[in-house]
Protein backbone atom coordinates (compact mmCIF):
# COMPACT_ATOMS: atom_id res chain seq x y z
CA MET A 1 0.00 0.00 0.00
CA GLN A 2 1.12 3.55 -0.77
CA PHE A 3 -0.23 6.86 0.47
CA LEU A 4 -0.97 8.96 -2.61
CA SER A 5 -1.92 12.32 -1.15
CA LEU A 6 -2.81 14.25 1.95
CA GLU A 7 -5.68 16.73 1.61
CA PRO A 8 -6.70 18.37 4.88
CA PHE A 9 -10.14 19.82 5.42
CA VAL A 10 -9.69 23.53 6.14
CA PRO A 11 -12.45 25.56 7.82
CA SER A 12 -13.85 28.46 5.81
CA GLY A 13 -14.83 30.62 8.76
CA PRO A 14 -18.08 32.58 8.67
CA ASP A 15 -17.99 33.44 4.95
CA MET A 16 -17.34 30.55 2.54
CA GLU A 17 -17.38 32.80 -0.56
CA LYS A 18 -14.86 35.20 0.97
CA ALA A 19 -12.62 32.24 1.83
CA LYS A 20 -12.81 30.98 -1.76
CA GLU A 21 -11.87 34.43 -3.09
CA PHE A 22 -8.94 34.59 -0.68
CA PHE A 23 -7.43 31.29 -1.82
CA LEU A 24 -7.88 32.22 -5.47
CA ALA A 25 -6.14 35.56 -4.76
CA ILE A 26 -3.04 33.87 -3.33
CA GLY A 27 -2.69 31.55 -6.31
CA PHE A 28 -4.69 28.39 -5.64
CA SER A 29 -7.00 27.04 -8.36
CA LEU A 30 -10.49 25.78 -7.68
CA SER A 31 -10.48 22.08 -8.69
CA TRP A 32 -14.10 21.31 -7.89
CA ASP A 33 -16.97 23.00 -6.08
CA GLY A 34 -19.75 21.42 -4.03
CA VAL A 35 -22.33 22.95 -1.76
CA ASP A 36 -20.42 22.92 1.54
CA TYR A 37 -17.00 21.76 0.27
CA CYS A 38 -14.64 22.66 -2.53
CA GLY A 39 -11.20 21.53 -3.61
CA PHE A 40 -8.22 23.79 -4.12
CA GLN A 41 -4.86 23.01 -5.68
CA PHE A 42 -1.54 24.73 -6.31
CA GLY A 43 0.97 22.41 -7.95
CA ASN A 44 1.04 19.23 -5.88
CA CYS A 45 -0.57 20.89 -2.84
CA LYS A 46 -4.27 20.23 -2.34
CA PHE A 47 -6.82 20.89 0.35
CA ILE A 48 -10.57 20.82 0.82
CA LEU A 49 -12.22 24.02 1.99
CA GLN A 50 -15.12 23.11 4.24
CA LYS A 51 -18.02 25.37 5.13
CA TYR A 52 -17.27 25.30 8.83
CA ASP A 53 -17.06 28.18 11.30
CA ASN A 54 -15.39 27.44 14.60
CA LYS A 55 -13.04 30.25 15.56
CA GLU A 56 -11.29 28.34 18.34
CA PHE A 57 -10.58 25.39 16.05
CA ALA A 58 -9.43 27.58 13.14
CA GLU A 59 -7.08 29.64 15.29
CA ASN A 60 -5.40 26.45 16.52
CA PHE A 61 -5.10 24.79 13.11
CA MET A 62 -1.85 25.14 11.17
CA ILE A 63 -0.68 23.94 7.78
CA SER A 64 2.87 23.88 6.47
CA ILE A 65 3.63 24.23 2.76
CA ARG A 66 7.11 23.90 1.30
CA VAL A 67 7.98 26.46 -1.38
CA ASP A 68 11.03 26.88 -3.58
CA ASP A 69 11.28 30.68 -3.19
CA ILE A 70 10.08 32.32 0.02
CA ASN A 71 10.76 35.81 -1.33
CA ALA A 72 8.48 35.22 -4.33
CA CYS A 73 5.87 33.70 -2.03
CA ARG A 74 5.78 36.75 0.24
CA GLU A 75 5.77 39.05 -2.79
CA LYS A 76 2.68 37.19 -4.05
CA PHE A 77 0.90 37.98 -0.77
CA ILE A 78 1.87 41.65 -1.06
CA ASN A 79 0.77 41.90 -4.71
CA SER A 80 -2.52 40.10 -4.09
CA ASN A 81 -3.43 42.81 -1.55
CA VAL A 82 -4.83 40.24 0.91
CA LYS A 83 -4.37 42.56 3.89
CA LYS A 84 -6.72 45.17 2.46
CA LEU A 85 -9.14 42.88 0.60
CA PHE A 86 -9.58 40.20 3.27
CA GLY A 87 -8.30 41.70 6.52
CA THR A 88 -5.67 39.00 6.77
CA ARG A 89 -2.05 39.33 7.79
CA PHE A 90 1.32 37.77 7.06
CA THR A 91 4.73 38.00 8.64
CA GLU A 92 8.12 39.14 7.50
CA ILE A 93 10.45 36.35 6.42
CA MET A 94 11.72 34.55 9.52
CA HIS A 95 14.67 32.18 9.84
CA GLN A 96 13.71 28.95 11.58
CA PRO A 97 15.80 25.82 12.21
CA TYR A 98 13.89 24.09 9.39
CA GLY A 99 14.19 26.93 6.84
CA LYS A 100 12.97 30.42 5.96
CA GLU A 101 9.29 30.96 6.73
CA VAL A 102 6.39 33.34 6.17
CA ASN A 103 3.19 32.84 8.15
CA LEU A 104 -0.12 33.82 6.57
CA ILE A 105 -3.36 33.95 8.54
CA ASP A 106 -6.40 33.19 6.38
CA PRO A 107 -9.86 34.78 6.87
CA ALA A 108 -10.97 31.99 9.24
CA GLY A 109 -7.84 32.34 11.41
CA VAL A 110 -5.88 29.30 10.15
CA CYS A 111 -2.11 29.82 10.15
CA TRP A 112 -0.43 28.74 6.92
CA HIS A 113 3.35 28.27 7.26
CA PHE A 114 5.09 28.77 3.91
CA VAL A 115 8.61 27.37 4.28
CA GLU A 116 11.64 27.43 2.01
CA GLY A 117 14.29 24.91 2.80
């Protein structure tokens, strides 16, 4: 047996449509769309956005994504204007023992760790 993929269910927060717009803005593509779930993909990275609003859960949920260029990744966040459009935030580039990292908080409160290294 082989594991073929890992696709976490990510909470949308109170506004599913706003969450969809956010992930499209940062470069994900919508793979499929259902009523309360939809699939997003960027390269080999996939996740399922779930219509689910639980602030405590979302603010304690974290996802790590490996990237080849952390500077380009952060620049994408700046150019997509996510702070103004969605009220989200992201960090400066930080040096961690496992590589360079930028944290992005999505509209639901989930922390996405984008890591080069």
